């Protein structure tokens, strides 16, 4: 297991210490993401007058929304990748079949395999 990293970041104007097994760069990116989401929400009319708990809930909901959208997109990409893998496999099989047919057609009469008929 890698060593635990610790980094000082600023989130919503407050200095915070983050620790984790991820890289310091990753922890900085997480803090930056949070600041970006807080900034987005702060631009909404009336947001700054909301109670701290409500602001926290809106932040959590927005982060959860981003998470589920990204997760769904990853699932779509994975499904597309699996479909393309199957298509590649099928095409490779077709190439092998066509190569065998070509060899059979170009082989001299005495070398042609017995029992392999035309389709």
N, C-alpha and C. Protein backbone atom coordinates (compact mmCIF):
# COMPACT_ATOMS: atom_id res chain seq x y z
N UNK A 1 0.85 -1.17 0.00
CA UNK A 1 0.00 0.00 0.00
C UNK A 1 0.90 1.24 0.00
N UNK A 2 0.53 2.28 -0.74
CA UNK A 2 1.34 3.48 -0.80
C UNK A 2 1.18 4.30 0.48
N UNK A 3 2.09 5.21 0.67
CA UNK A 3 2.09 6.04 1.88
C UNK A 3 0.93 7.03 1.85
N UNK A 4 0.46 7.37 3.02
CA UNK A 4 -0.63 8.32 3.13
C UNK A 4 -0.08 9.72 2.87
N UNK A 5 -0.77 10.47 2.03
CA UNK A 5 -0.36 11.83 1.71
C UNK A 5 -1.25 12.82 2.45
N UNK A 6 -0.70 13.97 2.69
CA UNK A 6 -1.43 15.03 3.37
C UNK A 6 -1.11 16.34 2.68
N UNK A 7 -2.13 17.16 2.45
CA UNK A 7 -1.92 18.41 1.74
C UNK A 7 -2.86 19.46 2.33
N UNK A 8 -2.38 20.70 2.38
CA UNK A 8 -3.20 21.82 2.85
C UNK A 8 -3.84 22.48 1.64
N UNK A 9 -5.15 22.65 1.70
CA UNK A 9 -5.91 23.24 0.59
C UNK A 9 -6.83 24.32 1.15
N UNK A 10 -7.37 25.12 0.26
CA UNK A 10 -8.37 26.11 0.63
C UNK A 10 -9.68 25.70 -0.03
N UNK A 11 -10.70 25.47 0.79
CA UNK A 11 -12.03 25.11 0.29
C UNK A 11 -13.02 26.12 0.85
N UNK A 12 -13.73 26.79 -0.04
CA UNK A 12 -14.71 27.80 0.33
C UNK A 12 -14.08 28.88 1.23
N UNK A 13 -12.83 29.23 0.92
CA UNK A 13 -12.16 30.29 1.65
C UNK A 13 -11.57 29.87 2.98
N UNK A 14 -11.65 28.60 3.32
CA UNK A 14 -11.11 28.12 4.60
C UNK A 14 -9.98 27.13 4.35
N UNK A 15 -8.91 27.27 5.12
CA UNK A 15 -7.77 26.37 5.00
C UNK A 15 -8.14 25.03 5.64
N UNK A 16 -7.93 23.97 4.88
CA UNK A 16 -8.28 22.63 5.32
C UNK A 16 -7.14 21.69 5.00
N UNK A 17 -6.94 20.70 5.84
CA UNK A 17 -5.91 19.69 5.60
C UNK A 17 -6.60 18.43 5.11
N UNK A 18 -6.22 17.95 3.93
CA UNK A 18 -6.76 16.71 3.37
C UNK A 18 -5.69 15.62 3.47
N UNK A 19 -6.11 14.43 3.81
CA UNK A 19 -5.20 13.29 3.88
C UNK A 19 -5.83 12.12 3.14
N UNK A 20 -4.97 11.32 2.52
CA UNK A 20 -5.45 10.14 1.82
C UNK A 20 -4.31 9.42 1.14
N UNK A 21 -4.60 8.27 0.60
CA UNK A 21 -3.59 7.47 -0.08
C UNK A 21 -3.41 7.89 -1.53
N UNK A 22 -4.23 8.82 -1.99
CA UNK A 22 -4.09 9.35 -3.33
C UNK A 22 -2.94 10.36 -3.34
N UNK A 23 -2.52 10.74 -4.54
CA UNK A 23 -1.42 11.70 -4.66
C UNK A 23 -1.86 13.09 -4.19
N UNK A 24 -0.88 13.92 -3.86
CA UNK A 24 -1.18 15.29 -3.45
C UNK A 24 -1.88 16.04 -4.58
N UNK A 25 -1.46 15.77 -5.80
CA UNK A 25 -2.08 16.40 -6.97
C UNK A 25 -3.57 16.04 -7.03
N UNK A 26 -3.88 14.78 -6.79
CA UNK A 26 -5.28 14.34 -6.81
C UNK A 26 -6.08 15.06 -5.72
N UNK A 27 -5.52 15.14 -4.53
CA UNK A 27 -6.22 15.81 -3.42
C UNK A 27 -6.44 17.29 -3.74
N UNK A 28 -5.47 17.92 -4.41
CA UNK A 28 -5.64 19.32 -4.84
C UNK A 28 -6.77 19.43 -5.87
N UNK A 29 -6.84 18.45 -6.78
CA UNK A 29 -7.91 18.46 -7.79
C UNK A 29 -9.28 18.31 -7.15
N UNK A 30 -9.38 17.49 -6.10
CA UNK A 30 -10.65 17.32 -5.40
C UNK A 30 -11.06 18.65 -4.77
N UNK A 31 -10.11 19.32 -4.12
CA UNK A 31 -10.41 20.62 -3.50
C UNK A 31 -10.82 21.64 -4.57
N UNK A 32 -10.13 21.61 -5.70
CA UNK A 32 -10.46 22.52 -6.80
C UNK A 32 -11.87 22.25 -7.32
N UNK A 33 -12.22 20.98 -7.45
CA UNK A 33 -13.56 20.61 -7.91
C UNK A 33 -14.62 21.15 -6.94
N UNK A 34 -14.39 20.97 -5.64
CA UNK A 34 -15.34 21.48 -4.65
C UNK A 34 -15.48 22.99 -4.76
N UNK A 35 -14.36 23.68 -4.88
CA UNK A 35 -14.41 25.15 -5.02
C UNK A 35 -15.18 25.56 -6.26
N UNK A 36 -14.99 24.83 -7.34
CA UNK A 36 -15.71 25.12 -8.58
C UNK A 36 -17.22 24.93 -8.39
N UNK A 37 -17.61 23.84 -7.74
CA UNK A 37 -19.05 23.59 -7.51
C UNK A 37 -19.64 24.66 -6.59
N UNK A 38 -18.90 25.03 -5.55
CA UNK A 38 -19.37 26.07 -4.64
C UNK A 38 -19.52 27.39 -5.39
N UNK A 39 -18.56 27.70 -6.26
CA UNK A 39 -18.63 28.92 -7.06
C UNK A 39 -19.84 28.90 -7.99
N UNK A 40 -20.10 27.78 -8.63
CA UNK A 40 -21.28 27.65 -9.49
C UNK A 40 -22.56 27.93 -8.71
N UNK A 41 -22.67 27.31 -7.54
CA UNK A 41 -23.87 27.49 -6.73
C UNK A 41 -24.00 28.92 -6.22
N UNK A 42 -22.88 29.55 -5.90
CA UNK A 42 -22.90 30.92 -5.38
C UNK A 42 -23.45 31.91 -6.40
N UNK A 43 -23.39 31.55 -7.68
CA UNK A 43 -23.91 32.43 -8.72
C UNK A 43 -25.42 32.38 -8.82
N UNK A 44 -26.03 31.38 -8.19
CA UNK A 44 -27.49 31.27 -8.23
C UNK A 44 -28.13 32.36 -7.37
N UNK A 45 -29.18 32.95 -7.88
CA UNK A 45 -29.88 34.00 -7.16
C UNK A 45 -30.43 33.44 -5.84
N UNK A 46 -30.15 34.11 -4.76
CA UNK A 46 -30.67 33.73 -3.45
C UNK A 46 -29.85 32.67 -2.72
N UNK A 47 -28.85 32.09 -3.38
CA UNK A 47 -28.07 31.02 -2.76
C UNK A 47 -27.37 31.50 -1.48
N UNK A 48 -26.80 32.71 -1.54
CA UNK A 48 -26.03 33.21 -0.40
C UNK A 48 -26.89 33.51 0.82
N UNK A 49 -28.19 33.61 0.64
CA UNK A 49 -29.09 33.84 1.78
C UNK A 49 -29.58 32.55 2.42
N UNK A 50 -29.24 31.41 1.83
CA UNK A 50 -29.69 30.12 2.36
C UNK A 50 -28.90 29.75 3.62
N UNK A 51 -29.52 28.91 4.43
CA UNK A 51 -28.84 28.40 5.63
C UNK A 51 -27.68 27.51 5.20
N UNK A 52 -26.66 27.43 6.05
CA UNK A 52 -25.46 26.63 5.75
C UNK A 52 -25.82 25.18 5.46
N UNK A 53 -26.78 24.63 6.20
CA UNK A 53 -27.19 23.24 5.97
C UNK A 53 -27.80 23.06 4.59
N UNK A 54 -28.61 24.01 4.17
CA UNK A 54 -29.22 23.95 2.85
C UNK A 54 -28.16 24.06 1.76
N UNK A 55 -27.19 24.96 1.97
CA UNK A 55 -26.09 25.09 1.01
C UNK A 55 -25.32 23.77 0.90
N UNK A 56 -25.06 23.15 2.03
CA UNK A 56 -24.36 21.86 2.04
C UNK A 56 -25.15 20.78 1.31
N UNK A 57 -26.46 20.79 1.53
CA UNK A 57 -27.31 19.80 0.84
C UNK A 57 -27.31 20.03 -0.66
N UNK A 58 -27.39 21.30 -1.09
CA UNK A 58 -27.36 21.60 -2.53
C UNK A 58 -26.01 21.19 -3.14
N UNK A 59 -24.93 21.44 -2.40
CA UNK A 59 -23.61 21.03 -2.88
C UNK A 59 -23.55 19.51 -3.03
N UNK A 60 -24.03 18.80 -2.00
CA UNK A 60 -24.02 17.33 -2.05
C UNK A 60 -24.87 16.82 -3.21
N UNK A 61 -26.04 17.42 -3.42
CA UNK A 61 -26.91 17.00 -4.53
C UNK A 61 -26.25 17.24 -5.88
N UNK A 62 -25.59 18.36 -6.04
CA UNK A 62 -24.91 18.66 -7.30
C UNK A 62 -23.75 17.72 -7.55
N UNK A 63 -23.01 17.38 -6.51
CA UNK A 63 -21.90 16.44 -6.66
C UNK A 63 -22.44 15.05 -6.99
N UNK A 64 -23.52 14.64 -6.30
CA UNK A 64 -24.13 13.34 -6.60
C UNK A 64 -24.64 13.30 -8.03
N UNK A 65 -25.22 14.40 -8.50
CA UNK A 65 -25.71 14.47 -9.88
C UNK A 65 -24.54 14.29 -10.85
N UNK A 66 -23.43 14.99 -10.62
CA UNK A 66 -22.25 14.83 -11.48
C UNK A 66 -21.77 13.39 -11.47
N UNK A 67 -21.74 12.78 -10.28
CA UNK A 67 -21.28 11.40 -10.14
C UNK A 67 -22.13 10.45 -10.97
N UNK A 68 -23.45 10.54 -10.81
CA UNK A 68 -24.32 9.60 -11.52
C UNK A 68 -24.31 9.84 -13.03
N UNK A 69 -24.17 11.07 -13.46
CA UNK A 69 -24.04 11.34 -14.89
C UNK A 69 -22.75 10.74 -15.44
N UNK A 70 -21.65 10.92 -14.70
CA UNK A 70 -20.36 10.36 -15.14
C UNK A 70 -20.40 8.84 -15.13
N UNK A 71 -21.03 8.27 -14.11
CA UNK A 71 -21.13 6.81 -14.02
C UNK A 71 -21.95 6.27 -15.19
N UNK A 72 -23.04 6.92 -15.50
CA UNK A 72 -23.88 6.50 -16.62
C UNK A 72 -23.10 6.59 -17.93
N UNK A 73 -22.35 7.68 -18.12
CA UNK A 73 -21.56 7.83 -19.34
C UNK A 73 -20.50 6.75 -19.44
N UNK A 74 -19.88 6.41 -18.32
CA UNK A 74 -18.87 5.34 -18.31
C UNK A 74 -19.51 4.01 -18.69
N UNK A 75 -20.72 3.75 -18.21
CA UNK A 75 -21.42 2.51 -18.55
C UNK A 75 -21.73 2.46 -20.04
N UNK A 76 -22.13 3.60 -20.60
CA UNK A 76 -22.41 3.67 -22.04
C UNK A 76 -21.13 3.39 -22.83
N UNK A 77 -20.01 4.00 -22.41
CA UNK A 77 -18.73 3.77 -23.09
C UNK A 77 -18.29 2.31 -22.97
N UNK A 78 -18.46 1.72 -21.80
CA UNK A 78 -18.08 0.31 -21.62
C UNK A 78 -18.93 -0.60 -22.49
N UNK A 79 -20.22 -0.33 -22.57
CA UNK A 79 -21.10 -1.14 -23.41
C UNK A 79 -20.70 -1.00 -24.87
N UNK A 80 -20.39 0.21 -25.28
CA UNK A 80 -19.95 0.45 -26.66
C UNK A 80 -18.64 -0.28 -26.94
N UNK A 81 -17.72 -0.25 -25.98
CA UNK A 81 -16.45 -0.96 -26.13
C UNK A 81 -16.67 -2.46 -26.26
N UNK A 82 -17.55 -3.03 -25.43
CA UNK A 82 -17.85 -4.46 -25.52
C UNK A 82 -18.44 -4.81 -26.87
N UNK A 83 -19.34 -3.96 -27.38
CA UNK A 83 -19.93 -4.21 -28.70
C UNK A 83 -18.87 -4.16 -29.79
N UNK A 84 -17.96 -3.23 -29.70
CA UNK A 84 -16.90 -3.13 -30.70
C UNK A 84 -15.94 -4.32 -30.60
N UNK A 85 -15.67 -4.78 -29.39
CA UNK A 85 -14.82 -5.97 -29.21
C UNK A 85 -15.47 -7.19 -29.86
N UNK A 86 -16.79 -7.36 -29.66
CA UNK A 86 -17.50 -8.48 -30.30
C UNK A 86 -17.47 -8.35 -31.81
N UNK A 87 -17.65 -7.14 -32.31
CA UNK A 87 -17.63 -6.92 -33.75
C UNK A 87 -16.25 -7.24 -34.33
N UNK A 88 -15.19 -6.83 -33.65
CA UNK A 88 -13.83 -7.12 -34.10
C UNK A 88 -13.60 -8.63 -34.11
N UNK A 89 -14.05 -9.32 -33.06
CA UNK A 89 -13.89 -10.77 -33.00
C UNK A 89 -14.61 -11.43 -34.18
N UNK A 90 -15.85 -11.00 -34.43
CA UNK A 90 -16.61 -11.57 -35.55
C UNK A 90 -15.91 -11.30 -36.89
N UNK A 91 -15.37 -10.11 -37.06
CA UNK A 91 -14.68 -9.78 -38.31
C UNK A 91 -13.40 -10.61 -38.48
N UNK A 92 -12.70 -10.84 -37.38
CA UNK A 92 -11.50 -11.67 -37.46
C UNK A 92 -11.87 -13.10 -37.84
N UNK A 93 -12.95 -13.60 -37.29
CA UNK A 93 -13.43 -14.94 -37.65
C UNK A 93 -13.77 -15.00 -39.13
N UNK A 94 -14.42 -13.96 -39.62
CA UNK A 94 -14.80 -13.91 -41.04
C UNK A 94 -13.55 -13.88 -41.92
N UNK A 95 -12.52 -13.16 -41.50
CA UNK A 95 -11.26 -13.11 -42.25
C UNK A 95 -10.64 -14.50 -42.33
N UNK A 96 -10.61 -15.22 -41.22
CA UNK A 96 -10.05 -16.58 -41.21
C UNK A 96 -10.84 -17.47 -42.16
N UNK A 97 -12.16 -17.40 -42.12
CA UNK A 97 -13.00 -18.21 -43.01
C UNK A 97 -12.72 -17.87 -44.47
N UNK A 98 -12.61 -16.58 -44.78
CA UNK A 98 -12.36 -16.17 -46.16
C UNK A 98 -10.95 -16.59 -46.62
N UNK A 99 -9.97 -16.54 -45.72
CA UNK A 99 -8.63 -17.00 -46.07
C UNK A 99 -8.63 -18.49 -46.36
N UNK A 100 -9.38 -19.26 -45.57
CA UNK A 100 -9.47 -20.70 -45.82
C UNK A 100 -10.15 -20.97 -47.15
N UNK A 101 -11.21 -20.23 -47.45
CA UNK A 101 -11.89 -20.39 -48.73
C UNK A 101 -10.96 -20.04 -49.88
N UNK A 102 -10.19 -18.97 -49.73
CA UNK A 102 -9.26 -18.55 -50.77
C UNK A 102 -8.19 -19.61 -51.00
N UNK A 103 -7.64 -20.14 -49.91
CA UNK A 103 -6.63 -21.19 -50.04
C UNK A 103 -7.20 -22.41 -50.74
N UNK A 104 -8.43 -22.74 -50.42
CA UNK A 104 -9.07 -23.90 -51.04
C UNK A 104 -9.27 -23.66 -52.54
N UNK A 105 -9.66 -22.45 -52.89
CA UNK A 105 -9.91 -22.14 -54.30
C UNK A 105 -8.63 -22.02 -55.12
N UNK A 106 -7.55 -21.62 -54.49
CA UNK A 106 -6.30 -21.42 -55.23
C UNK A 106 -5.37 -22.63 -55.18
N UNK A 107 -5.69 -23.63 -54.38
CA UNK A 107 -4.85 -24.83 -54.28
C UNK A 107 -5.02 -25.67 -55.55
N UNK A 108 -3.94 -26.32 -55.99
CA UNK A 108 -4.08 -27.24 -57.13
C UNK A 108 -5.11 -28.32 -56.81
N UNK A 109 -5.73 -28.86 -57.83
CA UNK A 109 -6.82 -29.83 -57.69
C UNK A 109 -6.47 -30.98 -56.75
N UNK A 110 -5.27 -31.56 -56.83
CA UNK A 110 -4.92 -32.72 -56.00
C UNK A 110 -4.70 -32.33 -54.53
N UNK A 111 -4.46 -31.05 -54.22
CA UNK A 111 -4.19 -30.64 -52.84
C UNK A 111 -5.46 -30.15 -52.13
N UNK A 112 -6.55 -30.03 -52.82
CA UNK A 112 -7.76 -29.49 -52.21
C UNK A 112 -8.31 -30.47 -51.18
N UNK A 113 -8.69 -29.94 -50.03
CA UNK A 113 -9.24 -30.81 -48.97
C UNK A 113 -10.57 -31.43 -49.42
N UNK A 114 -10.80 -32.63 -48.97
CA UNK A 114 -12.03 -33.34 -49.29
C UNK A 114 -13.07 -32.98 -48.23
N UNK A 115 -14.31 -32.78 -48.64
CA UNK A 115 -15.39 -32.58 -47.69
C UNK A 115 -15.69 -31.12 -47.42
N UNK A 116 -14.90 -30.23 -47.89
CA UNK A 116 -15.20 -28.81 -47.66
C UNK A 116 -15.89 -28.29 -48.91
N UNK A 117 -17.19 -28.19 -48.79
CA UNK A 117 -17.98 -27.78 -49.95
C UNK A 117 -18.18 -26.30 -49.99
N UNK A 118 -18.72 -25.86 -51.10
CA UNK A 118 -19.02 -24.44 -51.26
C UNK A 118 -20.28 -24.11 -50.51
N UNK A 119 -20.34 -22.87 -50.06
CA UNK A 119 -21.49 -22.40 -49.27
C UNK A 119 -22.55 -21.82 -50.14
